[in-house]
Amino acid sequence: MSKKYEIIEATGEMYKCNDHYPDTYALNIEWVANGIGFGELNITYNEKTGKWRKDTEYMSDEFCQAVLAKWLADMERS
């Protein structure tokens, strides 16, 4: 991975979507990176169709993986 950035923070929130998206849950990860700024990675899951979707705000897969890795690394262990 060619690193032109460092993910400083990645925090997630999961919620049930509103009536416009029935049977859908969302995971929203807000991130901060030096050299780039900040943004959001949104992942949704429809429990009836079993389909996952992502809204990456045009971020590369490599960058999204770095955001997810930071979020997982900072997650509390139970």
Protein backbone atom coordinates (compact mmCIF):
# COMPACT_ATOMS: atom_id res chain seq x y z
CA MET A 1 0.00 0.00 0.00
CA SER A 2 1.47 3.36 -0.98
CA LYS A 3 0.87 5.55 2.06
CA LYS A 4 0.36 9.23 1.33
CA TYR A 5 -1.76 9.60 4.42
CA GLU A 6 -2.23 8.38 7.97
CA ILE A 7 -5.65 7.62 9.39
CA ILE A 8 -5.61 9.43 12.73
CA GLU A 9 -9.11 8.60 13.92
CA ALA A 10 -12.00 6.38 12.84
CA THR A 11 -15.16 6.17 14.91
CA GLY A 12 -18.25 4.18 14.04
CA GLU A 13 -21.96 4.35 14.70
CA MET A 14 -24.54 1.73 13.76
CA TYR A 15 -28.24 2.47 13.43
CA LYS A 16 -31.50 1.34 11.83
CA CYS A 17 -32.32 3.46 8.81
CA ASN A 18 -35.53 5.45 8.49
CA ASP A 19 -38.71 4.56 6.58
CA HIS A 20 -37.12 5.53 3.25
CA TYR A 21 -34.83 2.48 3.60
CA PRO A 22 -36.94 -0.24 5.23
CA ASP A 23 -35.24 -3.30 6.74
CA THR A 24 -31.87 -1.59 6.44
CA TYR A 25 -29.11 -1.01 8.97
CA ALA A 26 -26.20 1.36 8.48
CA LEU A 27 -22.65 1.54 9.78
CA ASN A 28 -21.26 5.05 9.50
CA ILE A 29 -17.52 5.46 10.10
CA GLU A 30 -16.26 9.03 10.44
CA TRP A 31 -12.54 9.34 9.79
CA VAL A 32 -9.77 11.93 10.05
CA ALA A 33 -6.53 11.61 8.09
CA ASN A 34 -3.49 13.83 7.89
CA GLY A 35 -2.78 15.17 4.42
CA ILE A 36 -6.40 14.61 3.34
CA GLY A 37 -8.85 15.91 5.94
CA PHE A 38 -11.98 14.10 7.08
CA GLY A 39 -14.96 12.22 5.73
CA GLU A 40 -17.34 9.32 6.13
CA LEU A 41 -17.52 5.72 4.98
CA ASN A 42 -21.08 4.38 4.98
CA ILE A 43 -21.95 0.69 4.78
CA THR A 44 -25.55 -0.53 4.69
CA TYR A 45 -27.11 -3.96 5.06
CA ASN A 46 -30.66 -4.89 4.04
CA GLU A 47 -31.80 -7.78 6.21
CA LYS A 48 -34.55 -8.87 3.79
CA THR A 49 -32.42 -9.01 0.63
CA GLY A 50 -29.14 -9.91 2.38
CA LYS A 51 -27.35 -7.25 0.28
CA TRP A 52 -24.50 -5.05 1.46
CA ARG A 53 -23.78 -1.65 -0.13
CA LYS A 54 -21.14 1.00 0.44
CA ASP A 55 -20.97 4.73 -0.13
CA THR A 56 -17.30 5.63 -0.24
CA GLU A 57 -17.52 9.29 -1.30
CA TYR A 58 -15.22 8.28 -4.22
CA MET A 59 -12.46 7.00 -1.92
CA SER A 60 -10.29 4.21 -3.29
CA ASP A 61 -10.67 0.65 -2.01
CA GLU A 62 -7.16 0.96 -0.57
CA PHE A 63 -8.14 4.02 1.45
CA CYS A 64 -11.42 2.44 2.63
CA GLN A 65 -9.48 -0.60 3.82
CA ALA A 66 -7.15 1.69 5.78
CA VAL A 67 -10.16 3.40 7.42
CA LEU A 68 -11.68 0.01 8.32
CA ALA A 69 -8.34 -1.23 9.67
CA LYS A 70 -8.01 1.85 11.92
CA TRP A 71 -11.60 1.47 13.14
CA LEU A 72 -11.04 -2.22 13.96
CA ALA A 73 -7.66 -1.57 15.61
CA ASP A 74 -9.18 1.06 17.92
CA MET A 75 -12.24 -1.03 18.80
CA GLU A 76 -12.50 -2.09 22.42
CA ARG A 77 -12.16 -5.79 23.06
CA SER A 78 -14.82 -7.49 25.13
